[in-house]
Amino acid sequence: MKNAINLENLFINDIRELYAYETITQEYLNKISDIIKYEPLNFLIKVYREDTELSKRRLDKIGNLRDFSLKNGNGNMFKNLFDEDFAKIENESDLVIRHISIISFIEKLINYKLAIYRMISVYSTILGFEKPVRLIEEIIEEKVKTFCEFLYLTEDMSDHLKSSGITQN
């Protein structure tokens, strides 16, 4: 019984932190939108913003299903991890490098959160939380799909740069 209580506490704490991470991601995306000059990337940022909002709504549903508030997560670890990379993006003057850095940054954000979502799915399964498992799995599917879209954009940008004659010196 003690293990189940500890696992449920871990489940709740991780859900709260993920909610904070998604909120921080929205802040990053809003700032990124202001510095993008590449339309395909701008489009994907909008898609990711919608994906992030949908994730927050699903996390909120889980909080309601399990009767806990999501307001206690602070996301400090997440912010500390990504603020330095984001500052480099903001300070980059070369647009090509900035756009590539943005894609890399977003891929890191998604991968980091995916790992936590996968663990929460495991907690939910062990604890027998069927509805939260389904909601988490839906979030994971959306994140993977969004991640793949950014990978495709990376390939497109690479092809575009090669055809533009941009090469390494």
N, C-alpha and C. Protein backbone atom coordinates (compact mmCIF):
# COMPACT_ATOMS: atom_id res chain seq x y z
N MET A 1 0.83 -1.20 0.00
CA MET A 1 0.00 0.00 0.00
C MET A 1 0.86 1.26 0.00
N LYS A 2 1.95 1.24 0.79
CA LYS A 2 2.83 2.40 0.87
C LYS A 2 3.42 2.72 -0.50
N ASN A 3 3.81 1.68 -1.25
CA ASN A 3 4.37 1.91 -2.59
C ASN A 3 3.36 2.56 -3.52
N ALA A 4 2.09 2.13 -3.42
CA ALA A 4 1.05 2.72 -4.27
C ALA A 4 0.85 4.20 -3.94
N ILE A 5 0.89 4.54 -2.66
CA ILE A 5 0.73 5.95 -2.26
C ILE A 5 1.91 6.77 -2.77
N ASN A 6 3.12 6.23 -2.63
CA ASN A 6 4.30 6.94 -3.12
C ASN A 6 4.26 7.10 -4.64
N LEU A 7 3.81 6.06 -5.33
CA LEU A 7 3.72 6.13 -6.79
C LEU A 7 2.65 7.13 -7.22
N GLU A 8 1.54 7.16 -6.49
CA GLU A 8 0.50 8.14 -6.81
C GLU A 8 1.00 9.56 -6.56
N ASN A 9 1.76 9.77 -5.50
CA ASN A 9 2.35 11.10 -5.24
C ASN A 9 3.32 11.49 -6.36
N LEU A 10 4.10 10.54 -6.82
CA LEU A 10 5.01 10.80 -7.94
C LEU A 10 4.22 11.15 -9.20
N PHE A 11 3.16 10.41 -9.45
CA PHE A 11 2.26 10.66 -10.58
C PHE A 11 1.72 12.10 -10.51
N ILE A 12 1.21 12.50 -9.35
CA ILE A 12 0.63 13.83 -9.19
C ILE A 12 1.69 14.91 -9.36
N ASN A 13 2.84 14.73 -8.74
CA ASN A 13 3.90 15.73 -8.86
C ASN A 13 4.39 15.88 -10.29
N ASP A 14 4.53 14.76 -11.00
CA ASP A 14 4.97 14.84 -12.40
C ASP A 14 3.92 15.50 -13.29
N ILE A 15 2.65 15.22 -13.04
CA ILE A 15 1.58 15.88 -13.82
C ILE A 15 1.64 17.39 -13.57
N ARG A 16 1.79 17.78 -12.34
CA ARG A 16 1.88 19.22 -12.01
C ARG A 16 3.07 19.88 -12.71
N GLU A 17 4.20 19.21 -12.65
CA GLU A 17 5.40 19.77 -13.30
C GLU A 17 5.21 19.84 -14.81
N LEU A 18 4.62 18.81 -15.40
CA LEU A 18 4.39 18.84 -16.85
C LEU A 18 3.46 19.98 -17.24
N TYR A 19 2.46 20.22 -16.42
CA TYR A 19 1.57 21.35 -16.70
C TYR A 19 2.37 22.66 -16.70
N ALA A 20 3.24 22.81 -15.71
CA ALA A 20 4.11 24.00 -15.67
C ALA A 20 5.04 24.03 -16.88
N TYR A 21 5.58 22.87 -17.28
CA TYR A 21 6.47 22.80 -18.44
C TYR A 21 5.73 23.23 -19.71
N GLU A 22 4.49 22.78 -19.84
CA GLU A 22 3.71 23.16 -21.03
C GLU A 22 3.45 24.66 -21.03
N THR A 23 3.19 25.24 -19.86
CA THR A 23 2.98 26.68 -19.76
C THR A 23 4.25 27.44 -20.15
N ILE A 24 5.39 26.97 -19.67
CA ILE A 24 6.67 27.59 -20.02
C ILE A 24 6.95 27.43 -21.51
N THR A 25 6.61 26.26 -22.06
CA THR A 25 6.78 26.04 -23.50
C THR A 25 5.98 27.07 -24.28
N GLN A 26 4.75 27.35 -23.84
CA GLN A 26 3.95 28.37 -24.52
C GLN A 26 4.65 29.72 -24.50
N GLU A 27 5.28 30.06 -23.38
CA GLU A 27 6.02 31.32 -23.30
C GLU A 27 7.17 31.35 -24.30
N TYR A 28 7.92 30.25 -24.38
CA TYR A 28 9.00 30.16 -25.36
C TYR A 28 8.46 30.31 -26.78
N LEU A 29 7.38 29.61 -27.08
CA LEU A 29 6.81 29.65 -28.43
C LEU A 29 6.33 31.04 -28.80
N ASN A 30 5.75 31.75 -27.85
CA ASN A 30 5.31 33.12 -28.12
C ASN A 30 6.50 34.01 -28.46
N LYS A 31 7.59 33.86 -27.72
CA LYS A 31 8.79 34.65 -28.00
C LYS A 31 9.42 34.25 -29.33
N ILE A 32 9.44 32.95 -29.61
CA ILE A 32 10.01 32.46 -30.86
C ILE A 32 9.24 33.00 -32.06
N SER A 33 7.92 33.06 -31.94
CA SER A 33 7.09 33.55 -33.05
C SER A 33 7.51 34.95 -33.51
N ASP A 34 8.00 35.74 -32.57
CA ASP A 34 8.39 37.11 -32.89
C ASP A 34 9.70 37.20 -33.67
N ILE A 35 10.50 36.13 -33.66
CA ILE A 35 11.82 36.21 -34.30
C ILE A 35 11.97 35.30 -35.51
N ILE A 36 10.90 34.66 -35.95
CA ILE A 36 10.96 33.74 -37.08
C ILE A 36 10.73 34.49 -38.39
N LYS A 37 11.56 34.17 -39.37
CA LYS A 37 11.42 34.77 -40.69
C LYS A 37 11.24 33.70 -41.76
N TYR A 38 11.03 32.47 -41.35
CA TYR A 38 10.92 31.33 -42.26
C TYR A 38 9.52 30.75 -42.11
N GLU A 39 8.68 30.92 -43.13
CA GLU A 39 7.25 30.61 -43.02
C GLU A 39 6.95 29.15 -42.65
N PRO A 40 7.63 28.14 -43.23
CA PRO A 40 7.32 26.77 -42.80
C PRO A 40 7.57 26.55 -41.31
N LEU A 41 8.61 27.18 -40.77
CA LEU A 41 8.89 27.07 -39.34
C LEU A 41 7.82 27.81 -38.54
N ASN A 42 7.41 28.95 -39.01
CA ASN A 42 6.36 29.72 -38.34
C ASN A 42 5.07 28.90 -38.27
N PHE A 43 4.75 28.22 -39.35
CA PHE A 43 3.56 27.37 -39.38
C PHE A 43 3.67 26.26 -38.32
N LEU A 44 4.83 25.60 -38.25
CA LEU A 44 4.99 24.53 -37.27
C LEU A 44 4.96 25.03 -35.84
N ILE A 45 5.43 26.25 -35.63
CA ILE A 45 5.35 26.84 -34.29
C ILE A 45 3.87 26.98 -33.90
N LYS A 46 3.04 27.41 -34.83
CA LYS A 46 1.60 27.52 -34.56
C LYS A 46 1.01 26.15 -34.23
N VAL A 47 1.41 25.13 -34.99
CA VAL A 47 0.93 23.77 -34.73
C VAL A 47 1.36 23.32 -33.34
N TYR A 48 2.62 23.58 -32.99
CA TYR A 48 3.12 23.16 -31.69
C TYR A 48 2.44 23.94 -30.56
N ARG A 49 2.12 25.19 -30.80
CA ARG A 49 1.41 25.98 -29.80
C ARG A 49 0.03 25.35 -29.53
N GLU A 50 -0.66 24.95 -30.60
CA GLU A 50 -1.97 24.29 -30.44
C GLU A 50 -1.82 22.95 -29.73
N ASP A 51 -0.78 22.20 -30.09
CA ASP A 51 -0.50 20.92 -29.45
C ASP A 51 -0.26 21.11 -27.95
N THR A 52 0.46 22.15 -27.61
CA THR A 52 0.77 22.45 -26.20
C THR A 52 -0.49 22.81 -25.43
N GLU A 53 -1.35 23.60 -26.04
CA GLU A 53 -2.61 23.97 -25.39
C GLU A 53 -3.48 22.74 -25.19
N LEU A 54 -3.53 21.86 -26.17
CA LEU A 54 -4.30 20.62 -26.05
C LEU A 54 -3.73 19.74 -24.94
N SER A 55 -2.41 19.67 -24.84
CA SER A 55 -1.77 18.89 -23.76
C SER A 55 -2.18 19.45 -22.40
N LYS A 56 -2.18 20.75 -22.26
CA LYS A 56 -2.57 21.36 -20.98
C LYS A 56 -4.03 21.03 -20.63
N ARG A 57 -4.91 21.06 -21.63
CA ARG A 57 -6.31 20.72 -21.37
C ARG A 57 -6.44 19.26 -20.92
N ARG A 58 -5.67 18.37 -21.55
CA ARG A 58 -5.73 16.96 -21.17
C ARG A 58 -5.16 16.76 -19.76
N LEU A 59 -4.07 17.46 -19.45
CA LEU A 59 -3.52 17.36 -18.09
C LEU A 59 -4.51 17.89 -17.07
N ASP A 60 -5.21 18.95 -17.42
CA ASP A 60 -6.24 19.51 -16.54
C ASP A 60 -7.35 18.49 -16.31
N LYS A 61 -7.73 17.76 -17.37
CA LYS A 61 -8.74 16.71 -17.23
C LYS A 61 -8.27 15.63 -16.25
N ILE A 62 -6.98 15.27 -16.36
CA ILE A 62 -6.44 14.26 -15.46
C ILE A 62 -6.51 14.77 -14.02
N GLY A 63 -6.14 16.02 -13.81
CA GLY A 63 -6.24 16.60 -12.47
C GLY A 63 -7.66 16.55 -11.94
N ASN A 64 -8.61 16.86 -12.81
CA ASN A 64 -10.02 16.80 -12.39
C ASN A 64 -10.48 15.37 -12.11
N LEU A 65 -10.04 14.43 -12.96
CA LEU A 65 -10.41 13.03 -12.76
C LEU A 65 -9.88 12.48 -11.43
N ARG A 66 -8.66 12.87 -11.09
CA ARG A 66 -8.01 12.36 -9.88
C ARG A 66 -8.17 13.32 -8.72
N ASP A 67 -8.86 14.44 -8.94
CA ASP A 67 -9.18 15.42 -7.91
C ASP A 67 -7.94 16.05 -7.25
N PHE A 68 -7.08 16.64 -8.09
CA PHE A 68 -5.95 17.41 -7.58
C PHE A 68 -5.73 18.62 -8.48
N SER A 69 -5.14 19.65 -7.91
CA SER A 69 -4.88 20.89 -8.63
C SER A 69 -3.54 20.82 -9.36
N LEU A 70 -3.48 21.48 -10.49
CA LEU A 70 -2.23 21.52 -11.26
C LEU A 70 -1.42 22.77 -10.96
N LYS A 71 -1.87 23.59 -10.07
CA LYS A 71 -1.26 24.90 -9.83
C LYS A 71 0.03 24.84 -9.00
N ASN A 72 0.37 23.68 -8.44
CA ASN A 72 1.52 23.62 -7.54
C ASN A 72 2.86 23.37 -8.23
N GLY A 73 2.86 23.05 -9.51
CA GLY A 73 4.13 22.84 -10.21
C GLY A 73 4.78 24.18 -10.52
N ASN A 74 6.10 24.23 -10.43
CA ASN A 74 6.75 25.51 -10.71
C ASN A 74 7.57 25.50 -12.00
N GLY A 75 8.00 24.34 -12.46
CA GLY A 75 8.73 24.24 -13.71
C GLY A 75 10.13 24.82 -13.67
N ASN A 76 10.65 25.10 -12.48
CA ASN A 76 11.97 25.72 -12.39
C ASN A 76 13.08 24.88 -13.01
N MET A 77 13.02 23.58 -12.79
CA MET A 77 14.06 22.72 -13.37
C MET A 77 14.04 22.82 -14.90
N PHE A 78 12.86 22.81 -15.46
CA PHE A 78 12.69 22.91 -16.91
C PHE A 78 13.24 24.24 -17.42
N LYS A 79 12.85 25.33 -16.76
CA LYS A 79 13.32 26.65 -17.16
C LYS A 79 14.83 26.76 -17.06
N ASN A 80 15.39 26.26 -15.98
CA ASN A 80 16.84 26.30 -15.81
C ASN A 80 17.55 25.52 -16.90
N LEU A 81 16.94 24.43 -17.31
CA LEU A 81 17.52 23.58 -18.34
C LEU A 81 17.51 24.25 -19.72
N PHE A 82 16.46 25.00 -20.02
CA PHE A 82 16.28 25.51 -21.37
C PHE A 82 16.51 27.01 -21.55
N ASP A 83 16.56 27.79 -20.50
CA ASP A 83 16.73 29.24 -20.64
C ASP A 83 18.05 29.62 -21.31
N GLU A 84 19.11 28.91 -21.00
CA GLU A 84 20.41 29.23 -21.60
C GLU A 84 20.39 29.00 -23.12
N ASP A 85 19.81 27.88 -23.54
CA ASP A 85 19.69 27.61 -24.98
C ASP A 85 18.82 28.66 -25.65
N PHE A 86 17.75 29.05 -24.98
CA PHE A 86 16.86 30.04 -25.57
C PHE A 86 17.55 31.40 -25.71
N ALA A 87 18.36 31.76 -24.74
CA ALA A 87 19.10 33.02 -24.80
C ALA A 87 20.04 33.03 -26.01
N LYS A 88 20.65 31.91 -26.31
CA LYS A 88 21.53 31.81 -27.49
C LYS A 88 20.74 32.05 -28.77
N ILE A 89 19.53 31.51 -28.82
CA ILE A 89 18.68 31.72 -30.00
C ILE A 89 18.35 33.20 -30.15
N GLU A 90 17.96 33.83 -29.06
CA GLU A 90 17.60 35.25 -29.12
C GLU A 90 18.77 36.12 -29.56
N ASN A 91 19.97 35.72 -29.19
CA ASN A 91 21.15 36.53 -29.51
C ASN A 91 21.78 36.21 -30.86
N GLU A 92 21.29 35.16 -31.52
CA GLU A 92 21.85 34.76 -32.82
C GLU A 92 21.41 35.74 -33.90
N SER A 93 22.37 36.31 -34.62
CA SER A 93 22.04 37.29 -35.66
C SER A 93 21.85 36.64 -37.03
N ASP A 94 22.48 35.52 -37.28
CA ASP A 94 22.34 34.82 -38.57
C ASP A 94 21.00 34.09 -38.58
N LEU A 95 20.12 34.48 -39.50
CA LEU A 95 18.77 33.90 -39.52
C LEU A 95 18.76 32.40 -39.77
N VAL A 96 19.63 31.93 -40.64
CA VAL A 96 19.67 30.49 -40.92
C VAL A 96 20.04 29.73 -39.65
N ILE A 97 21.09 30.18 -38.99
CA ILE A 97 21.52 29.53 -37.75
C ILE A 97 20.42 29.65 -36.70
N ARG A 98 19.77 30.80 -36.63
CA ARG A 98 18.70 30.99 -35.65
C ARG A 98 17.56 30.01 -35.90
N HIS A 99 17.15 29.86 -37.16
CA HIS A 99 16.05 28.95 -37.47
C HIS A 99 16.41 27.50 -37.18
N ILE A 100 17.62 27.11 -37.52
CA ILE A 100 18.06 25.74 -37.22
C ILE A 100 18.13 25.54 -35.71
N SER A 101 18.61 26.54 -34.99
CA SER A 101 18.68 26.46 -33.53
C SER A 101 17.29 26.36 -32.91
N ILE A 102 16.33 27.06 -33.48
CA ILE A 102 14.95 26.99 -32.98
C ILE A 102 14.41 25.57 -33.14
N ILE A 103 14.64 24.98 -34.30
CA ILE A 103 14.16 23.61 -34.52
C ILE A 103 14.80 22.66 -33.52
N SER A 104 16.10 22.78 -33.34
CA SER A 104 16.80 21.93 -32.38
C SER A 104 16.26 22.13 -30.97
N PHE A 105 16.03 23.37 -30.62
CA PHE A 105 15.49 23.72 -29.30
C PHE A 105 14.13 23.07 -29.09
N ILE A 106 13.27 23.16 -30.07
CA ILE A 106 11.92 22.59 -29.95
C ILE A 106 11.98 21.07 -29.88
N GLU A 107 12.86 20.47 -30.67
CA GLU A 107 13.00 19.02 -30.61
C GLU A 107 13.46 18.59 -29.22
N LYS A 108 14.35 19.35 -28.59
CA LYS A 108 14.79 19.04 -27.23
C LYS A 108 13.62 19.17 -26.24
N LEU A 109 12.84 20.25 -26.39
CA LEU A 109 11.67 20.44 -25.51
C LEU A 109 10.74 19.24 -25.59
N ILE A 110 10.43 18.84 -26.81
CA ILE A 110 9.49 17.74 -27.01
C ILE A 110 10.05 16.44 -26.43
N ASN A 111 11.31 16.15 -26.73
CA ASN A 111 11.90 14.90 -26.24
C ASN A 111 11.95 14.85 -24.72
N TYR A 112 12.30 15.94 -24.11
CA TYR A 112 12.35 16.00 -22.64
C TYR A 112 10.99 15.68 -22.05
N LYS A 113 9.97 16.34 -22.58
CA LYS A 113 8.62 16.12 -22.05
C LYS A 113 8.10 14.73 -22.39
N LEU A 114 8.45 14.21 -23.57
CA LEU A 114 8.00 12.87 -23.94
C LEU A 114 8.47 11.82 -22.93
N ALA A 115 9.70 11.94 -22.49
CA ALA A 115 10.22 10.98 -21.52
C ALA A 115 9.38 11.00 -20.24
N ILE A 116 9.00 12.17 -19.80
CA ILE A 116 8.19 12.28 -18.58
C ILE A 116 6.77 11.76 -18.82
N TYR A 117 6.21 12.11 -19.97
CA TYR A 117 4.87 11.60 -20.29
C TYR A 117 4.88 10.07 -20.32
N ARG A 118 5.92 9.49 -20.87
CA ARG A 118 5.98 8.02 -20.93
C ARG A 118 6.02 7.43 -19.52
N MET A 119 6.79 8.05 -18.63
CA MET A 119 6.84 7.55 -17.25
C MET A 119 5.49 7.70 -16.56
N ILE A 120 4.81 8.79 -16.81
CA ILE A 120 3.49 8.98 -16.21
C ILE A 120 2.51 7.93 -16.74
N SER A 121 2.66 7.57 -17.99
CA SER A 121 1.83 6.51 -18.55
C SER A 121 2.07 5.20 -17.80
N VAL A 122 3.33 4.93 -17.48
CA VAL A 122 3.67 3.73 -16.72
C VAL A 122 3.05 3.80 -15.32
N TYR A 123 3.21 4.94 -14.64
CA TYR A 123 2.60 5.10 -13.30
C TYR A 123 1.10 4.84 -13.38
N SER A 124 0.47 5.47 -14.37
CA SER A 124 -0.99 5.36 -14.51
C SER A 124 -1.41 3.91 -14.71
N THR A 125 -0.67 3.20 -15.52
CA THR A 125 -0.99 1.80 -15.79
C THR A 125 -0.85 0.96 -14.53
N ILE A 126 0.25 1.15 -13.82
CA ILE A 126 0.48 0.39 -12.58
C ILE A 126 -0.61 0.69 -11.56
N LEU A 127 -1.01 1.97 -11.47
CA LEU A 127 -2.02 2.37 -10.49
C LEU A 127 -3.45 2.04 -10.94
N GLY A 128 -3.61 1.62 -12.19
CA GLY A 128 -4.93 1.27 -12.70
C GLY A 128 -5.79 2.47 -13.07
N PHE A 129 -5.15 3.59 -13.40
CA PHE A 129 -5.86 4.81 -13.80
C PHE A 129 -6.13 4.76 -15.31
N GLU A 130 -7.22 4.12 -15.70
CA GLU A 130 -7.48 3.89 -17.12
C GLU A 130 -7.68 5.17 -17.93
N LYS A 131 -8.51 6.09 -17.45
CA LYS A 131 -8.74 7.32 -18.21
C LYS A 131 -7.48 8.17 -18.31
N PRO A 132 -6.74 8.36 -17.22
CA PRO A 132 -5.48 9.10 -17.37
C PRO A 132 -4.50 8.44 -18.34
N VAL A 133 -4.47 7.11 -18.36
CA VAL A 133 -3.59 6.42 -19.31
C VAL A 133 -3.96 6.80 -20.73
N ARG A 134 -5.25 6.77 -21.03
CA ARG A 134 -5.70 7.13 -22.40
C ARG A 134 -5.34 8.57 -22.74
N LEU A 135 -5.56 9.48 -21.80
CA LEU A 135 -5.25 10.88 -22.05
C LEU A 135 -3.75 11.10 -22.25
N ILE A 136 -2.94 10.43 -21.44
CA ILE A 136 -1.49 10.55 -21.58
C ILE A 136 -1.04 9.96 -22.91
N GLU A 137 -1.59 8.84 -23.29
CA GLU A 137 -1.23 8.22 -24.57
C GLU A 137 -1.60 9.13 -25.75
N GLU A 138 -2.73 9.82 -25.63
CA GLU A 138 -3.11 10.79 -26.68
C GLU A 138 -2.10 11.92 -26.75
N ILE A 139 -1.65 12.41 -25.61
CA ILE A 139 -0.63 13.46 -25.58
C ILE A 139 0.65 12.97 -26.24
N ILE A 140 1.06 11.76 -25.88
CA ILE A 140 2.29 11.19 -26.45
C ILE A 140 2.19 11.10 -27.97
N GLU A 141 1.05 10.61 -28.46
CA GLU A 141 0.86 10.51 -29.92
C GLU A 141 0.99 11.87 -30.59
N GLU A 142 0.37 12.89 -30.01
CA GLU A 142 0.45 14.24 -30.58
C GLU A 142 1.89 14.77 -30.55
N LYS A 143 2.59 14.55 -29.45
CA LYS A 143 3.97 15.03 -29.33
C LYS A 143 4.88 14.34 -30.35
N VAL A 144 4.69 13.05 -30.53
CA VAL A 144 5.51 12.32 -31.51
C VAL A 144 5.23 12.84 -32.92
N LYS A 145 3.96 13.07 -33.21
CA LYS A 145 3.59 13.58 -34.53
C LYS A 145 4.21 14.97 -34.76
N THR A 146 4.13 15.82 -33.77
CA THR A 146 4.71 17.16 -33.87
C THR A 146 6.23 17.07 -34.02
N PHE A 147 6.85 16.20 -33.24
CA PHE A 147 8.30 16.01 -33.33
C PHE A 147 8.70 15.60 -34.75
N CYS A 148 7.95 14.67 -35.34
CA CYS A 148 8.25 14.22 -36.70
C CYS A 148 8.12 15.37 -37.71
N GLU A 149 7.14 16.23 -37.51
CA GLU A 149 6.99 17.39 -38.40
C GLU A 149 8.23 18.29 -38.35
N PHE A 150 8.78 18.47 -37.15
CA PHE A 150 10.00 19.27 -37.03
C PHE A 150 11.19 18.55 -37.68
N LEU A 151 11.24 17.23 -37.58
CA LEU A 151 12.30 16.48 -38.25
C LEU A 151 12.21 16.65 -39.76
N TYR A 152 11.01 16.57 -40.31
CA TYR A 152 10.82 16.77 -41.75
C TYR A 152 11.25 18.18 -42.16
N LEU A 153 10.93 19.15 -41.33
CA LEU A 153 11.31 20.52 -41.64
C LEU A 153 12.84 20.66 -41.64
N THR A 154 13.50 19.97 -40.74
CA THR A 154 14.96 19.99 -40.71
C THR A 154 15.52 19.46 -42.03
N GLU A 155 14.94 18.37 -42.54
CA GLU A 155 15.38 17.83 -43.83
C GLU A 155 15.12 18.82 -44.95
N ASP A 156 13.94 19.45 -44.94
CA ASP A 156 13.62 20.44 -45.97
C ASP A 156 14.59 21.62 -45.92
N MET A 157 14.91 22.08 -44.73
CA MET A 157 15.84 23.19 -44.60
C MET A 157 17.23 22.79 -45.10
N SER A 158 17.62 21.57 -44.80
CA SER A 158 18.92 21.08 -45.27
C SER A 158 18.97 21.08 -46.79
N ASP A 159 17.92 20.56 -47.42
CA ASP A 159 17.86 20.55 -48.88
C ASP A 159 17.88 21.97 -49.44
N HIS A 160 17.14 22.87 -48.79
CA HIS A 160 17.08 24.26 -49.23
C HIS A 160 18.46 24.92 -49.13
N LEU A 161 19.14 24.68 -48.03
CA LEU A 161 20.47 25.28 -47.84
C LEU A 161 21.47 24.73 -48.85
N LYS A 162 21.41 23.44 -49.12
CA LYS A 162 22.31 22.85 -50.12
C LYS A 162 22.05 23.43 -51.51
N SER A 163 20.78 23.58 -51.86
CA SER A 163 20.45 24.12 -53.18
C SER A 163 20.77 25.60 -53.28
N SER A 164 20.87 26.27 -52.13
CA SER A 164 21.22 27.70 -52.12
C SER A 164 22.72 27.91 -52.20
N GLY A 165 23.46 26.82 -52.16
CA GLY A 165 24.90 26.95 -52.24
C GLY A 165 25.58 27.26 -50.93
N ILE A 166 24.88 27.09 -49.81
CA ILE A 166 25.48 27.34 -48.51
C ILE A 166 26.22 26.08 -48.11
N THR A 167 27.51 26.21 -47.91
CA THR A 167 28.32 25.07 -47.52
C THR A 167 29.24 25.45 -46.37
N GLN A 168 29.81 24.45 -45.77
CA GLN A 168 30.75 24.69 -44.68
C GLN A 168 32.09 25.13 -45.27
N ASN A 169 32.74 26.09 -44.62
CA ASN A 169 34.06 26.55 -45.08
C ASN A 169 35.14 25.67 -44.52
